[in-house]
Every structure is written in structure tokens, then in C-alpha cells.
Amino acid sequence: MTTARWTFEADREAPGDARRAISEFAAAAGATDRALGSVAVCISEAITNAVVHAYRHDDRPGRVEVEAELDGDWLWVRVRDQGRGLEPRLDSPGLGLGLPLIAQLSASSEIVSPEQGGTEIIMRFDVREQEEVA
């Protein structure tokens, strides 16, 4: 089992920085192009959710922690923030497509509200996922 961890400031650079870091980690593990595409989209969406929602009432951006673990053909990715947690937001600047995209593109996903606050998104990907044949 191989594990890597990163911490990013929850700012506009975070989605791209996290996407690159996780993609490099997955590529080094031999992930297929299809798997890398799914991972990239899901990481971007999860980090963007933290940037847009988690620390919106704070004076400064908080941190987003990312952990990736390769276990055989499975890549587990956890994205955690220490922000406000899941709560309804009528003034949301997003379209609300991020979590459904994550659910569709990952092998499995789960959203957790840790006792200490914040939000954690846990995603699992098949790094050997092959292209669909038409």
C-alpha cells in the first residue's frame, strides 16, 4: 500500500494544484487514461466545493487536506476541510453538479461530517479502468 498526503490553502489555485498532485500520484501507479480523467474531474470538484463553501464566512481561506492511498487496483482519495460542514446554501454560486459528478465518475463515494467539524469526501477509483468499447 502506498500513501501520500498534501495540504492546500483553500484558494483559487487549490483545485488545479490538487488535481496535478493526485494525477501524478495515480499516473506513477500505472493508472489508465480513463481512470486519470475520472480522478482529475472528481478531485477538481471536491476541492472546488471546499474552496467555495467551507470557509465562506472566514476572513482568510482555511486548509484542505488530501490523502491518496493505492491499494492494489484501487485508489482511495480523501478530501477534508475544517469548514462549516454540509448545510443548505440558497445563494450558492455553483450549479450543484459537483457531488453528482463525483458519484458518477468514481467507483464509490461517501460524504462524511466528522465530529470535529468540516466535511470529508471519500472517493474510490479503479486505476485499471479501461475505455468502454462501443
C-alpha atoms as a PDB file:
ATOM      1  CA  MET A   1       0.000   0.000   0.000  1.00  0.00           C
ATOM      2  CA  THR A   2       1.307   3.432  -0.973  1.00  0.00           C
ATOM      3  CA  THR A   3       0.022   6.627   0.644  1.00  0.00           C
ATOM      4  CA  ALA A   4       0.602  10.325   0.004  1.00  0.00           C
ATOM      5  CA  ARG A   5      -0.731  13.437   1.732  1.00  0.00           C
ATOM      6  CA  TRP A   6      -0.962  17.068   0.745  1.00  0.00           C
ATOM      7  CA  THR A   7      -2.381  20.227   2.301  1.00  0.00           C
ATOM      8  CA  PHE A   8      -3.574  23.150   0.205  1.00  0.00           C
ATOM      9  CA  GLU A   9      -4.813  26.600   1.110  1.00  0.00           C
ATOM     10  CA  ALA A  10      -8.493  26.779   0.093  1.00  0.00           C
ATOM     11  CA  ASP A  11      -7.969  29.372  -2.619  1.00  0.00           C
ATOM     12  CA  ARG A  12      -8.493  29.513  -6.383  1.00  0.00           C
ATOM     13  CA  GLU A  13      -5.182  27.710  -7.009  1.00  0.00           C
ATOM     14  CA  ALA A  14      -6.136  24.681  -4.887  1.00  0.00           C
ATOM     15  CA  PRO A  15      -8.250  22.702  -7.401  1.00  0.00           C
ATOM     16  CA  GLY A  16      -5.524  22.769 -10.060  1.00  0.00           C
ATOM     17  CA  ASP A  17      -2.717  22.102  -7.590  1.00  0.00           C
ATOM     18  CA  ALA A  18      -4.564  19.149  -6.049  1.00  0.00           C
ATOM     19  CA  ARG A  19      -5.567  17.775  -9.454  1.00  0.00           C
ATOM     20  CA  ARG A  20      -1.931  17.794 -10.603  1.00  0.00           C
ATOM     21  CA  ALA A  21      -0.650  16.191  -7.382  1.00  0.00           C
ATOM     22  CA  ILE A  22      -3.202  13.355  -7.364  1.00  0.00           C
ATOM     23  CA  SER A  23      -2.888  12.797 -11.117  1.00  0.00           C
ATOM     24  CA  GLU A  24       0.895  12.435 -10.816  1.00  0.00           C
ATOM     25  CA  PHE A  25       0.453  10.007  -7.913  1.00  0.00           C
ATOM     26  CA  ALA A  26      -2.089   7.921  -9.856  1.00  0.00           C
ATOM     27  CA  ALA A  27      -0.067   8.009 -13.088  1.00  0.00           C
ATOM     28  CA  ALA A  28       3.027   6.762 -11.243  1.00  0.00           C
ATOM     29  CA  ALA A  29       0.867   3.831 -10.069  1.00  0.00           C
ATOM     30  CA  GLY A  30       0.047   2.962 -13.679  1.00  0.00           C
ATOM     31  CA  ALA A  31      -3.486   4.353 -13.813  1.00  0.00           C
ATOM     32  CA  THR A  32      -5.161   4.189 -17.215  1.00  0.00           C
ATOM     33  CA  ASP A  33      -6.010   7.371 -19.116  1.00  0.00           C
ATOM     34  CA  ARG A  34      -9.702   6.807 -18.400  1.00  0.00           C
ATOM     35  CA  ALA A  35      -9.037   6.440 -14.662  1.00  0.00           C
ATOM     36  CA  LEU A  36      -6.826   9.547 -14.679  1.00  0.00           C
ATOM     37  CA  GLY A  37      -9.606  11.541 -16.337  1.00  0.00           C
ATOM     38  CA  SER A  38     -12.148  10.439 -13.744  1.00  0.00           C
ATOM     39  CA  VAL A  39      -9.767  11.174 -10.877  1.00  0.00           C
ATOM     40  CA  ALA A  40      -8.946  14.644 -12.250  1.00  0.00           C
ATOM     41  CA  VAL A  41     -12.604  15.681 -12.577  1.00  0.00           C
ATOM     42  CA  CYS A  42     -13.570  14.341  -9.149  1.00  0.00           C
ATOM     43  CA  ILE A  43     -10.623  15.957  -7.358  1.00  0.00           C
ATOM     44  CA  SER A  44     -11.350  19.286  -9.039  1.00  0.00           C
ATOM     45  CA  GLU A  45     -14.986  19.122  -7.952  1.00  0.00           C
ATOM     46  CA  ALA A  46     -14.241  18.055  -4.369  1.00  0.00           C
ATOM     47  CA  ILE A  47     -11.596  20.750  -3.852  1.00  0.00           C
ATOM     48  CA  THR A  48     -13.741  23.412  -5.524  1.00  0.00           C
ATOM     49  CA  ASN A  49     -16.574  22.568  -3.106  1.00  0.00           C
ATOM     50  CA  ALA A  50     -14.220  23.185  -0.179  1.00  0.00           C
ATOM     51  CA  VAL A  51     -12.937  26.445  -1.674  1.00  0.00           C
ATOM     52  CA  VAL A  52     -16.421  27.808  -2.433  1.00  0.00           C
ATOM     53  CA  HIS A  53     -18.353  26.557   0.590  1.00  0.00           C
ATOM     54  CA  ALA A  54     -16.223  25.517   3.574  1.00  0.00           C
ATOM     55  CA  TYR A  55     -14.698  28.821   4.632  1.00  0.00           C
ATOM     56  CA  ARG A  56     -17.056  31.347   3.065  1.00  0.00           C
ATOM     57  CA  HIS A  57     -17.619  33.279   6.315  1.00  0.00           C
ATOM     58  CA  ASP A  58     -13.963  33.299   7.346  1.00  0.00           C
ATOM     59  CA  ASP A  59     -11.626  36.250   6.849  1.00  0.00           C
ATOM     60  CA  ARG A  60      -8.960  34.026   5.320  1.00  0.00           C
ATOM     61  CA  PRO A  61      -9.125  30.755   3.412  1.00  0.00           C
ATOM     62  CA  GLY A  62      -8.693  27.650   5.508  1.00  0.00           C
ATOM     63  CA  ARG A  63      -6.868  24.470   4.549  1.00  0.00           C
ATOM     64  CA  VAL A  64      -7.907  21.461   2.509  1.00  0.00           C
ATOM     65  CA  GLU A  65      -6.216  18.163   3.307  1.00  0.00           C
ATOM     66  CA  VAL A  66      -5.940  15.486   0.640  1.00  0.00           C
ATOM     67  CA  GLU A  67      -4.862  11.894   1.202  1.00  0.00           C
ATOM     68  CA  ALA A  68      -4.382   9.320  -1.559  1.00  0.00           C
ATOM     69  CA  GLU A  69      -3.866   5.637  -0.931  1.00  0.00           C
ATOM     70  CA  LEU A  70      -3.165   2.999  -3.557  1.00  0.00           C
ATOM     71  CA  ASP A  71      -4.341  -0.473  -2.549  1.00  0.00           C
ATOM     72  CA  GLY A  72      -3.905  -2.917  -5.424  1.00  0.00           C
ATOM     73  CA  ASP A  73      -6.070  -1.706  -8.311  1.00  0.00           C
ATOM     74  CA  TRP A  74      -7.922   0.765  -6.115  1.00  0.00           C
ATOM     75  CA  LEU A  75      -7.069   4.393  -5.483  1.00  0.00           C
ATOM     76  CA  TRP A  76      -8.748   5.877  -2.413  1.00  0.00           C
ATOM     77  CA  VAL A  77      -8.811   9.674  -2.141  1.00  0.00           C
ATOM     78  CA  ARG A  78      -9.994  11.632   0.886  1.00  0.00           C
ATOM     79  CA  VAL A  79     -10.581  15.386   0.716  1.00  0.00           C
ATOM     80  CA  ARG A  80     -11.121  17.060   4.112  1.00  0.00           C
ATOM     81  CA  ASP A  81     -11.781  20.593   5.221  1.00  0.00           C
ATOM     82  CA  GLN A  82     -12.380  22.064   8.659  1.00  0.00           C
ATOM     83  CA  GLY A  83     -15.046  24.465   7.474  1.00  0.00           C
ATOM     84  CA  ARG A  84     -18.752  24.891   8.053  1.00  0.00           C
ATOM     85  CA  GLY A  85     -19.795  21.377   7.102  1.00  0.00           C
ATOM     86  CA  LEU A  86     -22.733  20.466   4.930  1.00  0.00           C
ATOM     87  CA  GLU A  87     -25.522  22.979   5.168  1.00  0.00           C
ATOM     88  CA  PRO A  88     -28.092  24.314   2.712  1.00  0.00           C
ATOM     89  CA  ARG A  89     -26.968  27.340   0.778  1.00  0.00           C
ATOM     90  CA  LEU A  90     -29.551  29.229  -1.245  1.00  0.00           C
ATOM     91  CA  ASP A  91     -27.004  31.746  -2.521  1.00  0.00           C
ATOM     92  CA  SER A  92     -24.642  29.071  -3.895  1.00  0.00           C
ATOM     93  CA  PRO A  93     -22.582  30.309  -6.837  1.00  0.00           C
ATOM     94  CA  GLY A  94     -22.320  26.777  -8.249  1.00  0.00           C
ATOM     95  CA  LEU A  95     -24.727  24.678 -10.273  1.00  0.00           C
ATOM     96  CA  GLY A  96     -24.788  21.833  -7.754  1.00  0.00           C
ATOM     97  CA  LEU A  97     -23.276  19.349 -10.201  1.00  0.00           C
ATOM     98  CA  GLY A  98     -20.053  18.540  -8.331  1.00  0.00           C
ATOM     99  CA  LEU A  99     -21.270  15.811  -5.990  1.00  0.00           C
ATOM    100  CA  PRO A 100     -23.393  14.057  -8.647  1.00  0.00           C
ATOM    101  CA  LEU A 101     -20.360  14.070 -10.981  1.00  0.00           C
ATOM    102  CA  ILE A 102     -18.216  12.531  -8.253  1.00  0.00           C
ATOM    103  CA  ALA A 103     -20.853   9.848  -7.669  1.00  0.00           C
ATOM    104  CA  GLN A 104     -20.989   9.065 -11.393  1.00  0.00           C
ATOM    105  CA  LEU A 105     -17.250   9.033 -12.157  1.00  0.00           C
ATOM    106  CA  SER A 106     -15.902   7.247  -9.071  1.00  0.00           C
ATOM    107  CA  ALA A 107     -16.370   3.563  -8.284  1.00  0.00           C
ATOM    108  CA  SER A 108     -17.821   4.725  -4.955  1.00  0.00           C
ATOM    109  CA  SER A 109     -18.039   7.910  -2.943  1.00  0.00           C
ATOM    110  CA  GLU A 110     -19.127   8.926   0.514  1.00  0.00           C
ATOM    111  CA  ILE A 111     -19.616  12.259   2.243  1.00  0.00           C
ATOM    112  CA  VAL A 112     -18.836  12.336   5.944  1.00  0.00           C
ATOM    113  CA  SER A 113     -19.432  15.040   8.541  1.00  0.00           C
ATOM    114  CA  PRO A 114     -16.649  14.430  11.093  1.00  0.00           C
ATOM    115  CA  GLU A 115     -17.389  15.116  14.775  1.00  0.00           C
ATOM    116  CA  GLN A 116     -14.713  17.827  14.858  1.00  0.00           C
ATOM    117  CA  GLY A 117     -16.498  19.682  12.031  1.00  0.00           C
ATOM    118  CA  GLY A 118     -15.913  20.213   8.373  1.00  0.00           C
ATOM    119  CA  THR A 119     -16.608  17.840   5.537  1.00  0.00           C
ATOM    120  CA  GLU A 120     -14.800  14.795   4.204  1.00  0.00           C
ATOM    121  CA  ILE A 121     -15.369  13.310   0.757  1.00  0.00           C
ATOM    122  CA  ILE A 122     -14.049   9.783   0.297  1.00  0.00           C
ATOM    123  CA  MET A 123     -13.724   8.524  -3.276  1.00  0.00           C
ATOM    124  CA  ARG A 124     -12.584   5.187  -4.681  1.00  0.00           C
ATOM    125  CA  PHE A 125     -11.324   4.679  -8.235  1.00  0.00           C
ATOM    126  CA  ASP A 126     -10.346   1.608 -10.258  1.00  0.00           C
ATOM    127  CA  VAL A 127      -6.914   2.645 -11.574  1.00  0.00           C
ATOM    128  CA  ARG A 128      -7.066  -0.113 -14.214  1.00  0.00           C
ATOM    129  CA  GLU A 129     -10.419   1.126 -15.579  1.00  0.00           C
ATOM    130  CA  GLN A 130     -10.438   0.577 -19.332  1.00  0.00           C
ATOM    131  CA  GLU A 131     -12.073   2.578 -22.098  1.00  0.00           C
ATOM    132  CA  GLU A 132     -15.586   1.453 -22.966  1.00  0.00           C
ATOM    133  CA  VAL A 133     -15.851  -0.263 -26.321  1.00  0.00           C
ATOM    134  CA  ALA A 134     -18.743   0.992 -28.444  1.00  0.00           C
END
